[in-house]
């Protein structure tokens, strides 16, 4: 997707590079923040519990802020991709923005308890309006991310960048499969349920890892 930079674009390169740099930072910041929280939080098990459950309890504002910061950084990345020659297709940046909007919504509305966390959670907790909205925004987020990976896979394939096309398609498959598995498993109490958190983390890490690499790829086209 490497194209010569038009003069008008060349004048805007510093701003575009700053926007793309947010995509390099967003994933590592988001993943590191929830990983550290999960390791420090009493009674929380990252193998079992969803990332969103970190927004519950006395330190929940940290994860809420993590969602909101990641959402803002991802929207900035989407704008950078839109302005980058060869990466500003109609759908790719819009779908990346959908992931950002989903993260903002997930931060704005706190999830319902699931999987015996926090301690004292009943086996069949009630579904609240904020919890339902959180789930809806989470679905929007992951659906947008998988669609973005798929869209860029087609675009890279169309211009002969086979490695990026295959890698993007593989990322879409892993992101989708791991997300669907975690959504099915979180409500279970058997061995599958005890791996639900790992599956969700695999989905998030794969998706945000792909976005980080895409950001670096776009930055290289501006050199």
Protein backbone atom coordinates (compact mmCIF):
# COMPACT_ATOMS: atom_id res chain seq x y z
CA UNK A 1 0.00 0.00 0.00
CA UNK A 2 3.00 2.32 -0.33
CA UNK A 3 2.19 5.33 -2.52
CA UNK A 4 4.03 8.60 -3.26
CA UNK A 5 2.92 11.33 -0.91
CA UNK A 6 1.03 14.20 -2.58
CA UNK A 7 2.36 17.63 -1.68
CA UNK A 8 -0.80 18.47 0.28
CA UNK A 9 -0.42 15.29 2.34
CA UNK A 10 3.31 15.86 2.88
CA UNK A 11 2.56 19.17 4.61
CA UNK A 12 0.29 17.36 7.05
CA UNK A 13 2.68 14.48 7.80
CA UNK A 14 3.65 15.60 11.33
CA UNK A 15 0.00 15.70 12.42
CA UNK A 16 -0.78 12.38 10.72
CA UNK A 17 2.23 10.75 12.35
CA UNK A 18 1.08 11.99 15.76
CA UNK A 19 -2.37 10.46 15.18
CA UNK A 20 -0.88 7.14 14.07
CA UNK A 21 1.43 7.09 17.08
CA UNK A 22 -1.66 6.85 19.27
CA UNK A 23 -2.33 3.49 17.66
CA UNK A 24 1.13 2.30 18.60
CA UNK A 25 0.49 3.24 22.23
CA UNK A 26 -3.18 2.28 22.65
CA UNK A 27 -2.91 -1.50 22.68
CA UNK A 28 0.15 -1.89 24.94
CA UNK A 29 -1.29 0.68 27.36
CA UNK A 30 -4.69 -1.00 27.54
CA UNK A 31 -3.35 -4.55 27.89
CA UNK A 32 -0.64 -3.63 30.41
CA UNK A 33 -3.12 -1.71 32.56
CA UNK A 34 -5.66 -4.52 32.85
CA UNK A 35 -2.92 -7.15 33.29
CA UNK A 36 -1.37 -5.27 36.24
CA UNK A 37 -4.78 -4.66 37.79
CA UNK A 38 -5.72 -8.31 37.48
CA UNK A 39 -2.49 -9.40 39.13
CA UNK A 40 -2.97 -7.05 42.08
CA UNK A 41 -6.72 -7.38 42.65
CA UNK A 42 -7.74 -9.72 45.48
CA UNK A 43 -10.16 -12.54 44.53
CA UNK A 44 -9.77 -11.71 40.83
CA UNK A 45 -8.61 -14.47 38.47
CA UNK A 46 -7.71 -13.41 34.94
CA UNK A 47 -8.12 -16.97 33.71
CA UNK A 48 -11.76 -16.92 34.78
CA UNK A 49 -13.01 -13.35 34.97
CA UNK A 50 -13.58 -10.83 32.17
CA UNK A 51 -11.51 -7.70 31.82
CA UNK A 52 -14.66 -5.64 32.33
CA UNK A 53 -15.08 -7.01 35.87
CA UNK A 54 -12.07 -4.92 36.88
CA UNK A 55 -14.41 -1.92 36.68
CA UNK A 56 -16.30 -3.30 39.71
CA UNK A 57 -15.22 -2.67 43.28
CA UNK A 58 -13.35 0.13 45.04
CA UNK A 59 -10.64 0.45 42.37
CA UNK A 60 -13.00 0.11 39.43
CA UNK A 61 -12.36 3.64 38.20
CA UNK A 62 -8.92 2.58 37.02
CA UNK A 63 -10.38 0.15 34.49
CA UNK A 64 -13.10 2.62 33.54
CA UNK A 65 -10.38 5.17 32.77
CA UNK A 66 -8.49 2.47 30.86
CA UNK A 67 -11.52 1.84 28.62
CA UNK A 68 -12.04 5.55 28.00
CA UNK A 69 -8.37 6.28 27.28
CA UNK A 70 -8.12 3.34 24.88
CA UNK A 71 -11.27 4.49 23.10
CA UNK A 72 -9.98 8.03 22.60
CA UNK A 73 -6.57 6.82 21.39
CA UNK A 74 -8.23 4.40 18.97
CA UNK A 75 -10.44 7.12 17.50
CA UNK A 76 -7.32 9.22 16.95
CA UNK A 77 -5.70 6.25 15.20
CA UNK A 78 -8.74 5.85 12.96
CA UNK A 79 -8.43 9.48 11.90
CA UNK A 80 -4.72 8.99 11.22
CA UNK A 81 -5.45 5.95 9.07
CA UNK A 82 -8.10 7.89 7.17
CA UNK A 83 -5.53 10.54 6.28
CA UNK A 84 -2.74 8.11 5.36
CA UNK A 85 -2.40 7.30 1.64
CA UNK A 86 -3.11 3.62 1.04
CA UNK A 87 -4.76 3.15 4.45
CA UNK A 88 -7.66 5.56 4.15
CA UNK A 89 -10.19 3.31 2.44
CA UNK A 90 -13.89 3.93 2.97
CA UNK A 91 -14.45 1.15 5.51
CA UNK A 92 -11.14 0.33 7.18
CA UNK A 93 -10.72 3.48 9.31
CA UNK A 94 -14.46 3.62 10.04
CA UNK A 95 -14.39 0.10 11.41
CA UNK A 96 -11.33 0.89 13.53
CA UNK A 97 -13.33 3.86 14.85
CA UNK A 98 -16.13 1.43 15.70
CA UNK A 99 -13.74 -0.43 18.00
CA UNK A 100 -12.92 2.88 19.67
CA UNK A 101 -16.59 3.81 20.10
CA UNK A 102 -17.27 0.39 21.60
CA UNK A 103 -14.48 0.86 24.13
CA UNK A 104 -15.86 4.26 25.11
CA UNK A 105 -19.30 2.76 25.64
CA UNK A 106 -17.87 -0.13 27.63
CA UNK A 107 -16.20 2.42 29.88
CA UNK A 108 -19.26 4.63 30.22
CA UNK A 109 -21.50 1.74 31.33
CA UNK A 110 -20.25 -0.63 34.04
CA UNK A 111 -20.67 -4.35 33.50
CA UNK A 112 -22.80 -6.62 35.66
CA UNK A 113 -20.99 -9.11 37.93
CA UNK A 114 -20.21 -12.50 36.41
CA UNK A 115 -18.31 -15.59 37.48
CA UNK A 116 -18.39 -15.09 41.28
CA UNK A 117 -16.58 -11.74 41.16
CA UNK A 118 -16.74 -9.57 43.18
CA UNK A 119 -17.03 -11.91 46.17
CA UNK A 120 -20.64 -12.40 47.21
CA UNK A 121 -22.00 -12.26 43.66
CA UNK A 122 -25.07 -14.55 43.39
CA UNK A 123 -24.97 -17.49 40.99
CA UNK A 124 -27.56 -15.87 38.71
CA UNK A 125 -27.17 -12.08 39.11
CA UNK A 126 -29.77 -9.70 37.73
CA UNK A 127 -29.13 -7.97 34.40
CA UNK A 128 -29.17 -4.18 34.80
CA UNK A 129 -29.61 -1.50 32.16
CA UNK A 130 -25.97 -0.28 32.46
CA UNK A 131 -24.78 -3.89 32.30
CA UNK A 132 -26.86 -4.54 29.20
CA UNK A 133 -25.53 -1.40 27.52
CA UNK A 134 -21.98 -2.42 28.43
CA UNK A 135 -22.52 -5.77 26.73
CA UNK A 136 -24.04 -4.08 23.67
CA UNK A 137 -21.10 -1.72 23.27
CA UNK A 138 -18.68 -4.61 23.78
CA UNK A 139 -20.38 -6.50 20.96
CA UNK A 140 -20.12 -3.44 18.71
CA UNK A 141 -16.45 -3.12 19.61
CA UNK A 142 -15.44 -6.68 18.79
CA UNK A 143 -17.64 -6.91 15.69
CA UNK A 144 -16.05 -3.70 14.37
CA UNK A 145 -12.55 -4.96 15.14
CA UNK A 146 -13.06 -8.27 13.34
CA UNK A 147 -14.64 -6.44 10.40
CA UNK A 148 -11.68 -4.04 10.26
CA UNK A 149 -9.20 -6.93 10.21
CA UNK A 150 -11.20 -8.58 7.43
CA UNK A 151 -11.51 -5.36 5.43
CA UNK A 152 -7.79 -4.67 5.55
CA UNK A 153 -7.06 -8.29 4.65
CA UNK A 154 -8.97 -7.79 1.40
CA UNK A 155 -7.30 -4.46 0.72
CA UNK A 156 -3.79 -5.78 1.31
CA UNK A 157 -4.57 -8.76 -0.90
CA UNK A 158 -5.82 -6.48 -3.68
CA UNK A 159 -2.47 -4.63 -3.84
CA UNK A 160 -0.32 -7.74 -3.58
CA UNK A 161 0.81 -7.47 0.04
CA UNK A 162 0.24 -11.15 0.67
CA UNK A 163 1.90 -11.30 4.09
CA UNK A 164 -0.29 -8.52 5.45
CA UNK A 165 -3.38 -9.99 3.81
CA UNK A 166 -2.83 -13.42 5.37
CA UNK A 167 -1.84 -11.95 8.72
CA UNK A 168 -4.91 -9.71 8.86
CA UNK A 169 -7.21 -12.58 7.94
CA UNK A 170 -5.62 -14.80 10.59
CA UNK A 171 -6.00 -12.03 13.18
CA UNK A 172 -9.69 -11.72 12.30
CA UNK A 173 -10.20 -15.46 12.73
CA UNK A 174 -8.45 -15.60 16.11
CA UNK A 175 -10.13 -12.42 17.41
CA UNK A 176 -13.59 -13.68 16.46
CA UNK A 177 -13.13 -17.26 17.66
CA UNK A 178 -11.67 -16.29 21.02
CA UNK A 179 -14.35 -13.64 21.61
CA UNK A 180 -17.19 -16.04 20.77
CA UNK A 181 -15.72 -18.73 23.00
CA UNK A 182 -15.37 -16.34 25.94
CA UNK A 183 -18.92 -15.06 25.52
CA UNK A 184 -20.20 -18.63 25.63
CA UNK A 185 -17.98 -19.71 28.51
CA UNK A 186 -18.25 -16.85 31.00
CA UNK A 187 -21.61 -18.06 32.31
CA UNK A 188 -20.35 -21.63 32.82
CA UNK A 189 -18.85 -23.07 35.99
CA UNK A 190 -17.00 -26.03 34.43
CA UNK A 191 -13.51 -26.20 32.91
CA UNK A 192 -14.63 -24.09 29.95
CA UNK A 193 -15.71 -21.33 32.29
CA UNK A 194 -12.36 -21.40 34.04
CA UNK A 195 -10.68 -20.58 30.71
CA UNK A 196 -13.11 -17.86 29.60
CA UNK A 197 -10.90 -15.00 30.81
CA UNK A 198 -7.90 -16.37 28.94
CA UNK A 199 -9.95 -16.58 25.73
CA UNK A 200 -11.13 -12.99 26.07
CA UNK A 201 -7.57 -11.84 26.66
CA UNK A 202 -6.43 -13.74 23.57
CA UNK A 203 -9.08 -11.91 21.54
CA UNK A 204 -8.14 -8.48 22.88
CA UNK A 205 -4.39 -9.05 22.59
CA UNK A 206 -4.66 -10.37 19.04
CA UNK A 207 -6.88 -7.51 17.91
CA UNK A 208 -4.89 -4.75 19.54
CA UNK A 209 -1.62 -6.38 18.50
CA UNK A 210 -2.81 -6.25 14.90
CA UNK A 211 -3.78 -2.59 15.29
CA UNK A 212 -0.35 -1.78 16.73
CA UNK A 213 1.37 -3.39 13.75
CA UNK A 214 -1.02 -1.66 11.34
CA UNK A 215 -0.14 1.67 12.95
CA UNK A 216 3.58 1.01 12.50
CA UNK A 217 2.98 -0.05 8.88
CA UNK A 218 1.11 3.19 8.19
CA UNK A 219 3.88 5.21 9.84
CA UNK A 220 6.44 3.64 7.52
CA UNK A 221 4.48 4.76 4.47
CA UNK A 222 4.98 8.37 5.56
CA UNK A 223 8.79 8.22 5.57
